[in-house]
Amino acid sequence: MQDVVLALLVKEPSHGYDLRSRLAAALGPLGETLNAGQIYVTLTRLEKAGLVVLEREDVPVRGPRRKVYALTATGQKRVAAWMAEGAGVRADVTEFHLKLVAAAESGLADPLALVDARRRELMNGLAETQRAALTHDTDSQAGLLLEGIALRLQADLRWLEACRRTWSARAAREEGGGLG
């Protein structure tokens, strides 16, 4: 969650309410479970770590004051490093989805390049799993586990194809002048 919040601050400073709204929109129905307190706890931790700084407090016409946070140079470096690192074979789909959204919002990485890198990771993991499966009886406990891992990797690869289609269409709309 910390890296996603940092990435959402790349374009411009923001307050917790706005960050929560942007995350909730990116997560769709899963965003309904996002606790607003999580964002504020995350911002406090990031501030203590020197990754964000309280820039100012806005006083809205109605409602409470809103603390506006901005990235520090250290925060910028951490986001750039996160965008550059691989997700790992066991990465969660939601986590990777948020990385794609954060990449697009921040402009720090091309979502399609991230999808391609993730696909390579999963293809390598699938090849390793399939090699290992050849050395085990399919009725064994290890064989059953390896089959489950292979099936999950195949499902993740199919999902990445959907990601590629969606992000390619979005890029085409943006190049054509439409916002998507």
N, C-alpha and C. Protein backbone atom coordinates (compact mmCIF):
# COMPACT_ATOMS: atom_id res chain seq x y z
N MET A 1 0.83 -1.20 0.00
CA MET A 1 0.00 0.00 0.00
C MET A 1 0.87 1.26 0.00
N GLN A 2 2.00 1.22 0.72
CA GLN A 2 2.84 2.41 0.81
C GLN A 2 3.35 2.85 -0.56
N ASP A 3 3.82 1.89 -1.36
CA ASP A 3 4.35 2.26 -2.67
C ASP A 3 3.28 2.83 -3.58
N VAL A 4 2.08 2.29 -3.50
CA VAL A 4 0.98 2.79 -4.31
C VAL A 4 0.65 4.23 -3.92
N VAL A 5 0.57 4.50 -2.63
CA VAL A 5 0.29 5.86 -2.16
C VAL A 5 1.39 6.81 -2.62
N LEU A 6 2.63 6.39 -2.51
CA LEU A 6 3.73 7.24 -2.98
C LEU A 6 3.58 7.54 -4.47
N ALA A 7 3.26 6.52 -5.26
CA ALA A 7 3.13 6.71 -6.70
C ALA A 7 1.99 7.67 -7.04
N LEU A 8 0.92 7.62 -6.26
CA LEU A 8 -0.20 8.52 -6.51
C LEU A 8 0.14 9.98 -6.18
N LEU A 9 1.21 10.18 -5.42
CA LEU A 9 1.64 11.54 -5.09
C LEU A 9 2.67 12.10 -6.08
N VAL A 10 3.06 11.30 -7.07
CA VAL A 10 4.09 11.75 -8.01
C VAL A 10 3.64 12.97 -8.79
N LYS A 11 2.43 12.93 -9.34
CA LYS A 11 1.95 14.04 -10.17
C LYS A 11 1.80 15.33 -9.39
N GLU A 12 1.19 15.21 -8.21
CA GLU A 12 0.93 16.40 -7.42
C GLU A 12 0.66 16.02 -5.97
N PRO A 13 0.90 16.95 -5.05
CA PRO A 13 0.57 16.70 -3.65
C PRO A 13 -0.93 16.45 -3.50
N SER A 14 -1.29 15.73 -2.47
CA SER A 14 -2.70 15.38 -2.29
C SER A 14 -2.98 15.13 -0.81
N HIS A 15 -4.26 15.06 -0.49
CA HIS A 15 -4.68 14.75 0.88
C HIS A 15 -5.26 13.34 0.91
N GLY A 16 -5.39 12.80 2.09
CA GLY A 16 -5.82 11.42 2.29
C GLY A 16 -7.16 11.09 1.66
N TYR A 17 -8.10 12.00 1.75
CA TYR A 17 -9.44 11.74 1.19
C TYR A 17 -9.35 11.54 -0.32
N ASP A 18 -8.58 12.37 -0.99
CA ASP A 18 -8.42 12.25 -2.44
C ASP A 18 -7.70 10.95 -2.79
N LEU A 19 -6.66 10.62 -2.05
CA LEU A 19 -5.93 9.37 -2.30
C LEU A 19 -6.84 8.16 -2.14
N ARG A 20 -7.66 8.18 -1.09
CA ARG A 20 -8.58 7.07 -0.86
C ARG A 20 -9.57 6.96 -2.01
N SER A 21 -10.08 8.08 -2.49
CA SER A 21 -11.04 8.09 -3.60
C SER A 21 -10.41 7.52 -4.87
N ARG A 22 -9.17 7.90 -5.14
CA ARG A 22 -8.48 7.41 -6.34
C ARG A 22 -8.21 5.92 -6.23
N LEU A 23 -7.81 5.46 -5.06
CA LEU A 23 -7.59 4.02 -4.86
C LEU A 23 -8.89 3.23 -4.98
N ALA A 24 -9.94 3.76 -4.37
CA ALA A 24 -11.24 3.08 -4.43
C ALA A 24 -11.73 2.98 -5.86
N ALA A 25 -11.53 4.03 -6.65
CA ALA A 25 -11.94 4.00 -8.06
C ALA A 25 -11.13 2.97 -8.83
N ALA A 26 -9.84 2.87 -8.54
CA ALA A 26 -8.98 1.90 -9.23
C ALA A 26 -9.34 0.46 -8.88
N LEU A 27 -9.84 0.25 -7.67
CA LEU A 27 -10.16 -1.10 -7.22
C LEU A 27 -11.60 -1.51 -7.52
N GLY A 28 -12.42 -0.57 -7.95
CA GLY A 28 -13.81 -0.92 -8.25
C GLY A 28 -14.51 -1.44 -7.01
N PRO A 29 -15.27 -2.54 -7.16
CA PRO A 29 -16.02 -3.08 -6.01
C PRO A 29 -15.12 -3.47 -4.83
N LEU A 30 -13.88 -3.86 -5.11
CA LEU A 30 -12.96 -4.21 -4.03
C LEU A 30 -12.57 -2.98 -3.21
N GLY A 31 -12.68 -1.80 -3.82
CA GLY A 31 -12.33 -0.56 -3.13
C GLY A 31 -13.31 -0.18 -2.05
N GLU A 32 -14.50 -0.78 -2.07
CA GLU A 32 -15.50 -0.46 -1.05
C GLU A 32 -15.03 -0.89 0.34
N THR A 33 -14.14 -1.86 0.39
CA THR A 33 -13.64 -2.34 1.68
C THR A 33 -12.43 -1.55 2.17
N LEU A 34 -11.95 -0.62 1.34
CA LEU A 34 -10.78 0.17 1.71
C LEU A 34 -11.13 1.12 2.84
N ASN A 35 -10.52 0.93 3.96
CA ASN A 35 -10.76 1.75 5.14
C ASN A 35 -10.01 3.07 5.01
N ALA A 36 -10.71 4.17 5.16
CA ALA A 36 -10.08 5.49 5.06
C ALA A 36 -8.94 5.63 6.06
N GLY A 37 -9.08 5.01 7.22
CA GLY A 37 -8.02 5.08 8.23
C GLY A 37 -6.71 4.48 7.75
N GLN A 38 -6.79 3.49 6.86
CA GLN A 38 -5.57 2.88 6.33
C GLN A 38 -4.71 3.91 5.60
N ILE A 39 -5.36 4.78 4.86
CA ILE A 39 -4.63 5.79 4.10
C ILE A 39 -3.92 6.74 5.05
N TYR A 40 -4.61 7.17 6.09
CA TYR A 40 -4.01 8.12 7.02
C TYR A 40 -2.88 7.48 7.83
N VAL A 41 -3.05 6.23 8.21
CA VAL A 41 -1.97 5.52 8.91
C VAL A 41 -0.77 5.38 7.97
N THR A 42 -1.03 5.04 6.72
CA THR A 42 0.05 4.91 5.74
C THR A 42 0.76 6.24 5.54
N LEU A 43 0.01 7.33 5.42
CA LEU A 43 0.64 8.65 5.25
C LEU A 43 1.50 9.02 6.46
N THR A 44 1.03 8.70 7.65
CA THR A 44 1.80 8.99 8.87
C THR A 44 3.11 8.20 8.86
N ARG A 45 3.03 6.93 8.49
CA ARG A 45 4.25 6.10 8.42
C ARG A 45 5.22 6.62 7.37
N LEU A 46 4.68 7.02 6.22
CA LEU A 46 5.53 7.55 5.15
C LEU A 46 6.18 8.85 5.58
N GLU A 47 5.45 9.67 6.34
CA GLU A 47 6.02 10.93 6.83
C GLU A 47 7.15 10.65 7.82
N LYS A 48 6.91 9.71 8.73
CA LYS A 48 7.95 9.36 9.72
C LYS A 48 9.19 8.79 9.05
N ALA A 49 8.99 8.10 7.92
CA ALA A 49 10.12 7.50 7.19
C ALA A 49 10.82 8.52 6.29
N GLY A 50 10.29 9.73 6.23
CA GLY A 50 10.91 10.77 5.41
C GLY A 50 10.61 10.65 3.92
N LEU A 51 9.56 9.92 3.58
CA LEU A 51 9.20 9.71 2.18
C LEU A 51 8.18 10.73 1.68
N VAL A 52 7.39 11.28 2.60
CA VAL A 52 6.46 12.36 2.28
C VAL A 52 6.62 13.43 3.35
N VAL A 53 6.13 14.61 3.01
CA VAL A 53 6.17 15.72 3.94
C VAL A 53 4.81 16.42 3.90
N LEU A 54 4.38 16.89 5.06
CA LEU A 54 3.16 17.67 5.12
C LEU A 54 3.46 19.01 4.46
N GLU A 55 2.80 19.27 3.35
CA GLU A 55 3.07 20.49 2.59
C GLU A 55 2.28 21.68 3.12
N ARG A 56 0.99 21.40 3.40
CA ARG A 56 0.14 22.47 3.90
C ARG A 56 -1.16 21.85 4.41
N GLU A 57 -1.97 22.67 5.04
CA GLU A 57 -3.31 22.25 5.44
C GLU A 57 -4.32 23.11 4.71
N ASP A 58 -5.22 22.46 4.00
CA ASP A 58 -6.30 23.19 3.33
C ASP A 58 -7.48 23.28 4.27
N VAL A 59 -8.14 24.41 4.24
CA VAL A 59 -9.35 24.59 5.04
C VAL A 59 -10.52 24.67 4.06
N PRO A 60 -11.24 23.56 3.90
CA PRO A 60 -12.37 23.57 2.97
C PRO A 60 -13.52 24.41 3.51
N VAL A 61 -14.44 24.76 2.63
CA VAL A 61 -15.61 25.53 3.03
C VAL A 61 -16.40 24.76 4.08
N ARG A 62 -16.56 23.44 3.84
CA ARG A 62 -17.25 22.58 4.80
C ARG A 62 -16.34 21.41 5.11
N GLY A 63 -16.45 20.92 6.30
CA GLY A 63 -15.69 19.74 6.69
C GLY A 63 -14.38 20.09 7.38
N PRO A 64 -13.65 19.05 7.74
CA PRO A 64 -12.41 19.26 8.50
C PRO A 64 -11.26 19.75 7.61
N ARG A 65 -10.24 20.25 8.27
CA ARG A 65 -9.01 20.63 7.57
C ARG A 65 -8.44 19.40 6.90
N ARG A 66 -7.77 19.60 5.79
CA ARG A 66 -7.17 18.48 5.08
C ARG A 66 -5.68 18.71 4.93
N LYS A 67 -4.93 17.75 5.45
CA LYS A 67 -3.48 17.81 5.34
C LYS A 67 -3.08 17.36 3.94
N VAL A 68 -2.30 18.18 3.27
CA VAL A 68 -1.85 17.88 1.91
C VAL A 68 -0.39 17.42 1.99
N TYR A 69 -0.15 16.22 1.45
CA TYR A 69 1.17 15.61 1.51
C TYR A 69 1.85 15.66 0.14
N ALA A 70 3.18 15.81 0.18
CA ALA A 70 3.99 15.83 -1.03
C ALA A 70 5.15 14.85 -0.87
N LEU A 71 5.64 14.35 -1.99
CA LEU A 71 6.78 13.44 -1.96
C LEU A 71 8.07 14.19 -1.64
N THR A 72 8.95 13.53 -0.94
CA THR A 72 10.31 14.03 -0.76
C THR A 72 11.17 13.42 -1.87
N ALA A 73 12.41 13.85 -1.96
CA ALA A 73 13.33 13.27 -2.95
C ALA A 73 13.51 11.78 -2.68
N THR A 74 13.58 11.41 -1.40
CA THR A 74 13.71 10.00 -1.03
C THR A 74 12.47 9.22 -1.44
N GLY A 75 11.30 9.83 -1.29
CA GLY A 75 10.06 9.20 -1.72
C GLY A 75 10.04 8.98 -3.23
N GLN A 76 10.52 9.97 -3.98
CA GLN A 76 10.61 9.86 -5.44
C GLN A 76 11.50 8.68 -5.84
N LYS A 77 12.64 8.54 -5.16
CA LYS A 77 13.55 7.44 -5.47
C LYS A 77 12.92 6.09 -5.17
N ARG A 78 12.21 6.02 -4.06
CA ARG A 78 11.57 4.75 -3.69
C ARG A 78 10.51 4.35 -4.72
N VAL A 79 9.71 5.31 -5.18
CA VAL A 79 8.68 5.01 -6.18
C VAL A 79 9.34 4.53 -7.47
N ALA A 80 10.39 5.21 -7.89
CA ALA A 80 11.08 4.82 -9.13
C ALA A 80 11.64 3.40 -9.00
N ALA A 81 12.20 3.08 -7.84
CA ALA A 81 12.73 1.73 -7.62
C ALA A 81 11.62 0.69 -7.63
N TRP A 82 10.47 1.01 -7.04
CA TRP A 82 9.33 0.09 -7.02
C TRP A 82 8.82 -0.18 -8.43
N MET A 83 8.75 0.87 -9.23
CA MET A 83 8.29 0.70 -10.61
C MET A 83 9.25 -0.18 -11.41
N ALA A 84 10.53 -0.10 -11.09
CA ALA A 84 11.54 -0.84 -11.85
C ALA A 84 11.65 -2.30 -11.41
N GLU A 85 11.22 -2.63 -10.20
CA GLU A 85 11.40 -3.99 -9.72
C GLU A 85 10.30 -4.92 -10.23
N GLY A 86 10.67 -6.18 -10.39
CA GLY A 86 9.71 -7.19 -10.81
C GLY A 86 8.73 -7.50 -9.70
N ALA A 87 7.60 -8.05 -10.09
CA ALA A 87 6.56 -8.36 -9.11
C ALA A 87 6.81 -9.68 -8.40
N GLY A 88 7.53 -10.60 -9.04
CA GLY A 88 7.74 -11.93 -8.47
C GLY A 88 6.60 -12.85 -8.88
N VAL A 89 6.89 -14.10 -8.99
CA VAL A 89 5.93 -15.07 -9.51
C VAL A 89 4.68 -15.15 -8.64
N ARG A 90 4.81 -14.98 -7.34
CA ARG A 90 3.66 -15.14 -6.45
C ARG A 90 2.93 -13.84 -6.13
N ALA A 91 3.18 -12.81 -6.88
CA ALA A 91 2.55 -11.52 -6.61
C ALA A 91 1.04 -11.61 -6.72
N ASP A 92 0.38 -10.85 -5.91
CA ASP A 92 -1.07 -10.79 -5.88
C ASP A 92 -1.59 -9.99 -7.08
N VAL A 93 -2.69 -10.43 -7.67
CA VAL A 93 -3.28 -9.77 -8.83
C VAL A 93 -3.67 -8.32 -8.49
N THR A 94 -4.28 -8.12 -7.33
CA THR A 94 -4.70 -6.76 -6.95
C THR A 94 -3.49 -5.84 -6.81
N GLU A 95 -2.44 -6.35 -6.20
CA GLU A 95 -1.22 -5.55 -6.02
C GLU A 95 -0.64 -5.15 -7.38
N PHE A 96 -0.60 -6.10 -8.32
CA PHE A 96 -0.05 -5.78 -9.63
C PHE A 96 -0.97 -4.80 -10.38
N HIS A 97 -2.27 -4.98 -10.24
CA HIS A 97 -3.23 -4.05 -10.87
C HIS A 97 -2.99 -2.63 -10.36
N LEU A 98 -2.81 -2.47 -9.06
CA LEU A 98 -2.56 -1.15 -8.49
C LEU A 98 -1.24 -0.57 -9.01
N LYS A 99 -0.26 -1.43 -9.24
CA LYS A 99 1.01 -0.96 -9.79
C LYS A 99 0.79 -0.42 -11.20
N LEU A 100 -0.05 -1.09 -11.99
CA LEU A 100 -0.35 -0.61 -13.34
C LEU A 100 -1.05 0.75 -13.29
N VAL A 101 -2.03 0.87 -12.40
CA VAL A 101 -2.76 2.14 -12.25
C VAL A 101 -1.80 3.24 -11.80
N ALA A 102 -0.96 2.92 -10.83
CA ALA A 102 0.00 3.91 -10.32
C ALA A 102 1.00 4.30 -11.39
N ALA A 103 1.42 3.35 -12.21
CA ALA A 103 2.36 3.65 -13.29
C ALA A 103 1.73 4.62 -14.28
N ALA A 104 0.48 4.37 -14.64
CA ALA A 104 -0.20 5.24 -15.59
C ALA A 104 -0.41 6.63 -15.00
N GLU A 105 -0.84 6.71 -13.74
CA GLU A 105 -1.09 8.01 -13.11
C GLU A 105 0.18 8.82 -12.93
N SER A 106 1.25 8.14 -12.51
CA SER A 106 2.48 8.85 -12.20
C SER A 106 3.32 9.15 -13.44
N GLY A 107 3.14 8.36 -14.48
CA GLY A 107 3.97 8.52 -15.68
C GLY A 107 5.37 7.97 -15.51
N LEU A 108 5.62 7.26 -14.40
CA LEU A 108 6.95 6.73 -14.14
C LEU A 108 7.27 5.45 -14.91
N ALA A 109 6.24 4.77 -15.38
CA ALA A 109 6.46 3.54 -16.13
C ALA A 109 5.29 3.35 -17.09
N ASP A 110 5.56 2.62 -18.15
CA ASP A 110 4.53 2.29 -19.12
C ASP A 110 3.82 1.02 -18.65
N PRO A 111 2.51 1.09 -18.42
CA PRO A 111 1.80 -0.12 -17.98
C PRO A 111 2.00 -1.31 -18.91
N LEU A 112 2.07 -1.08 -20.22
CA LEU A 112 2.28 -2.19 -21.15
C LEU A 112 3.66 -2.83 -20.96
N ALA A 113 4.66 -2.02 -20.66
CA ALA A 113 6.00 -2.57 -20.40
C ALA A 113 5.98 -3.40 -19.12
N LEU A 114 5.23 -2.94 -18.12
CA LEU A 114 5.11 -3.71 -16.88
C LEU A 114 4.38 -5.03 -17.13
N VAL A 115 3.35 -5.01 -17.97
CA VAL A 115 2.62 -6.23 -18.31
C VAL A 115 3.56 -7.21 -19.01
N ASP A 116 4.36 -6.70 -19.95
CA ASP A 116 5.29 -7.57 -20.67
C ASP A 116 6.34 -8.18 -19.74
N ALA A 117 6.86 -7.37 -18.82
CA ALA A 117 7.85 -7.88 -17.86
C ALA A 117 7.22 -8.93 -16.96
N ARG A 118 6.01 -8.68 -16.52
CA ARG A 118 5.30 -9.64 -15.66
C ARG A 118 5.04 -10.94 -16.41
N ARG A 119 4.68 -10.83 -17.68
CA ARG A 119 4.44 -12.02 -18.50
C ARG A 119 5.72 -12.86 -18.59
N ARG A 120 6.86 -12.21 -18.79
CA ARG A 120 8.13 -12.95 -18.85
C ARG A 120 8.41 -13.67 -17.53
N GLU A 121 8.15 -12.98 -16.40
CA GLU A 121 8.33 -13.60 -15.08
C GLU A 121 7.45 -14.85 -14.95
N LEU A 122 6.19 -14.71 -15.33
CA LEU A 122 5.27 -15.83 -15.19
C LEU A 122 5.61 -16.98 -16.14
N MET A 123 6.02 -16.66 -17.35
CA MET A 123 6.41 -17.70 -18.30
C MET A 123 7.62 -18.48 -17.78
N ASN A 124 8.58 -17.77 -17.20
CA ASN A 124 9.74 -18.45 -16.61
C ASN A 124 9.31 -19.33 -15.44
N GLY A 125 8.43 -18.81 -14.59
CA GLY A 125 7.94 -19.59 -13.46
C GLY A 125 7.17 -20.82 -13.92
N LEU A 126 6.38 -20.68 -14.96
CA LEU A 126 5.62 -21.81 -15.49
C LEU A 126 6.55 -22.87 -16.07
N ALA A 127 7.57 -22.44 -16.78
CA ALA A 127 8.53 -23.39 -17.34
C ALA A 127 9.25 -24.15 -16.23
N GLU A 128 9.65 -23.46 -15.19
CA GLU A 128 10.31 -24.12 -14.05
C GLU A 128 9.37 -25.11 -13.37
N THR A 129 8.13 -24.71 -13.20
CA THR A 129 7.14 -25.58 -12.57
C THR A 129 6.89 -26.82 -13.41
N GLN A 130 6.78 -26.64 -14.71
CA GLN A 130 6.55 -27.78 -15.60
C GLN A 130 7.74 -28.73 -15.61
N ARG A 131 8.96 -28.19 -15.56
CA ARG A 131 10.16 -29.05 -15.48
C ARG A 131 10.14 -29.86 -14.18
N ALA A 132 9.80 -29.19 -13.09
CA ALA A 132 9.74 -29.88 -11.80
C ALA A 132 8.66 -30.94 -11.80
N ALA A 133 7.53 -30.66 -12.45
CA ALA A 133 6.42 -31.62 -12.49
C ALA A 133 6.80 -32.90 -13.22
N LEU A 134 7.70 -32.79 -14.18
CA LEU A 134 8.14 -33.97 -14.93
C LEU A 134 8.88 -34.97 -14.05
N THR A 135 9.42 -34.51 -12.94
CA THR A 135 10.19 -35.40 -12.05
C THR A 135 9.34 -35.99 -10.94
N HIS A 136 8.04 -35.67 -10.92
CA HIS A 136 7.16 -36.18 -9.87
C HIS A 136 5.96 -36.90 -10.47
N ASP A 137 5.52 -37.91 -9.77
CA ASP A 137 4.31 -38.64 -10.16
C ASP A 137 3.12 -37.69 -9.99
N THR A 138 2.23 -37.66 -10.97
CA THR A 138 1.09 -36.75 -10.91
C THR A 138 0.14 -37.07 -9.77
N ASP A 139 0.21 -38.30 -9.24
CA ASP A 139 -0.66 -38.67 -8.12
C ASP A 139 -0.01 -38.39 -6.77
N SER A 140 1.21 -37.90 -6.78
CA SER A 140 1.89 -37.63 -5.51
C SER A 140 1.46 -36.28 -4.95
N GLN A 141 1.76 -36.04 -3.68
CA GLN A 141 1.43 -34.76 -3.07
C GLN A 141 2.18 -33.63 -3.76
N ALA A 142 3.46 -33.85 -4.03
CA ALA A 142 4.25 -32.82 -4.70
C ALA A 142 3.72 -32.58 -6.11
N GLY A 143 3.34 -33.63 -6.81
CA GLY A 143 2.79 -33.49 -8.16
C GLY A 143 1.51 -32.67 -8.16
N LEU A 144 0.66 -32.92 -7.17
CA LEU A 144 -0.59 -32.18 -7.05
C LEU A 144 -0.32 -30.70 -6.79
N LEU A 145 0.64 -30.40 -5.92
CA LEU A 145 1.00 -29.02 -5.64
C LEU A 145 1.53 -28.34 -6.89
N LEU A 146 2.41 -29.03 -7.61
CA LEU A 146 2.97 -28.45 -8.82
C LEU A 146 1.89 -28.20 -9.88
N GLU A 147 0.91 -29.08 -9.95
CA GLU A 147 -0.20 -28.87 -10.88
C GLU A 147 -0.98 -27.61 -10.50
N GLY A 148 -1.22 -27.43 -9.20
CA GLY A 148 -1.92 -26.23 -8.74
C GLY A 148 -1.15 -24.96 -9.06
N ILE A 149 0.15 -24.99 -8.87
CA ILE A 149 0.99 -23.82 -9.18
C ILE A 149 0.94 -23.53 -10.67
N ALA A 150 1.04 -24.56 -11.50
CA ALA A 150 1.00 -24.37 -12.95
C ALA A 150 -0.35 -23.79 -13.38
N LEU A 151 -1.43 -24.29 -12.82
CA LEU A 151 -2.76 -23.78 -13.18
C LEU A 151 -2.92 -22.31 -12.78
N ARG A 152 -2.40 -21.96 -11.62
CA ARG A 152 -2.49 -20.56 -11.19
C ARG A 152 -1.68 -19.66 -12.12
N LEU A 153 -0.48 -20.11 -12.48
CA LEU A 153 0.35 -19.31 -13.39
C LEU A 153 -0.34 -19.14 -14.75
N GLN A 154 -0.97 -20.19 -15.24
CA GLN A 154 -1.69 -20.11 -16.51
C GLN A 154 -2.85 -19.12 -16.42
N ALA A 155 -3.57 -19.15 -15.31
CA ALA A 155 -4.67 -18.20 -15.12
C ALA A 155 -4.14 -16.77 -15.07
N ASP A 156 -3.03 -16.56 -14.37
CA ASP A 156 -2.45 -15.22 -14.30
C ASP A 156 -2.01 -14.75 -15.68
N LEU A 157 -1.49 -15.66 -16.50
CA LEU A 157 -1.09 -15.30 -17.87
C LEU A 157 -2.30 -14.89 -18.71
N ARG A 158 -3.40 -15.58 -18.54
CA ARG A 158 -4.63 -15.21 -19.26
C ARG A 158 -5.11 -13.82 -18.82
N TRP A 159 -5.03 -13.56 -17.51
CA TRP A 159 -5.42 -12.25 -17.01
C TRP A 159 -4.51 -11.16 -17.58
N LEU A 160 -3.23 -11.45 -17.71
CA LEU A 160 -2.30 -10.46 -18.28
C LEU A 160 -2.66 -10.13 -19.72
N GLU A 161 -3.17 -11.11 -20.46
CA GLU A 161 -3.62 -10.83 -21.83
C GLU A 161 -4.78 -9.84 -21.80
N ALA A 162 -5.68 -9.98 -20.83
CA ALA A 162 -6.77 -9.02 -20.68
C ALA A 162 -6.21 -7.64 -20.32
N CYS A 163 -5.21 -7.62 -19.45
CA CYS A 163 -4.56 -6.35 -19.09
C CYS A 163 -3.95 -5.70 -20.34
N ARG A 164 -3.29 -6.49 -21.14
CA ARG A 164 -2.65 -5.96 -22.35
C ARG A 164 -3.71 -5.34 -23.28
N ARG A 165 -4.82 -6.03 -23.47
CA ARG A 165 -5.89 -5.50 -24.33
C ARG A 165 -6.42 -4.18 -23.78
N THR A 166 -6.69 -4.14 -22.48
CA THR A 166 -7.26 -2.94 -21.87
C THR A 166 -6.30 -1.77 -21.93
N TRP A 167 -5.05 -1.99 -21.54
CA TRP A 167 -4.08 -0.89 -21.52
C TRP A 167 -3.70 -0.46 -22.93
N SER A 168 -3.70 -1.39 -23.90
CA SER A 168 -3.44 -1.02 -25.29
C SER A 168 -4.57 -0.14 -25.82
N ALA A 169 -5.81 -0.51 -25.52
CA ALA A 169 -6.95 0.29 -25.96
C ALA A 169 -6.90 1.68 -25.33
N ARG A 170 -6.53 1.74 -24.07
CA ARG A 170 -6.44 3.04 -23.39
C ARG A 170 -5.36 3.90 -24.04
N ALA A 171 -4.21 3.29 -24.33
CA ALA A 171 -3.12 4.04 -24.97
C ALA A 171 -3.56 4.55 -26.35
N ALA A 172 -4.30 3.73 -27.09
CA ALA A 172 -4.78 4.14 -28.41
C ALA A 172 -5.75 5.32 -28.30
N ARG A 173 -6.64 5.26 -27.30
CA ARG A 173 -7.59 6.37 -27.09
C ARG A 173 -6.84 7.67 -26.76
N GLU A 174 -5.83 7.54 -25.88
CA GLU A 174 -5.08 8.73 -25.47
C GLU A 174 -4.28 9.32 -26.63
N GLU A 175 -3.73 8.45 -27.50
CA GLU A 175 -3.00 8.94 -28.67
C GLU A 175 -3.94 9.60 -29.65
N GLY A 176 -5.18 9.11 -29.70
CA GLY A 176 -6.18 9.67 -30.60
C GLY A 176 -6.81 10.95 -30.08
N GLY A 177 -6.43 11.35 -28.89
CA GLY A 177 -6.93 12.59 -28.33
C GLY A 177 -8.06 12.42 -27.33
N GLY A 178 -8.62 11.19 -27.23
CA GLY A 178 -9.68 10.96 -26.26
C GLY A 178 -9.11 10.57 -24.92
N LEU A 179 -9.80 10.89 -23.86
CA LEU A 179 -9.35 10.52 -22.53
C LEU A 179 -10.06 9.25 -22.13
N GLY A 180 -9.32 8.32 -21.50
CA GLY A 180 -9.95 7.08 -21.12
C GLY A 180 -9.70 6.74 -19.75
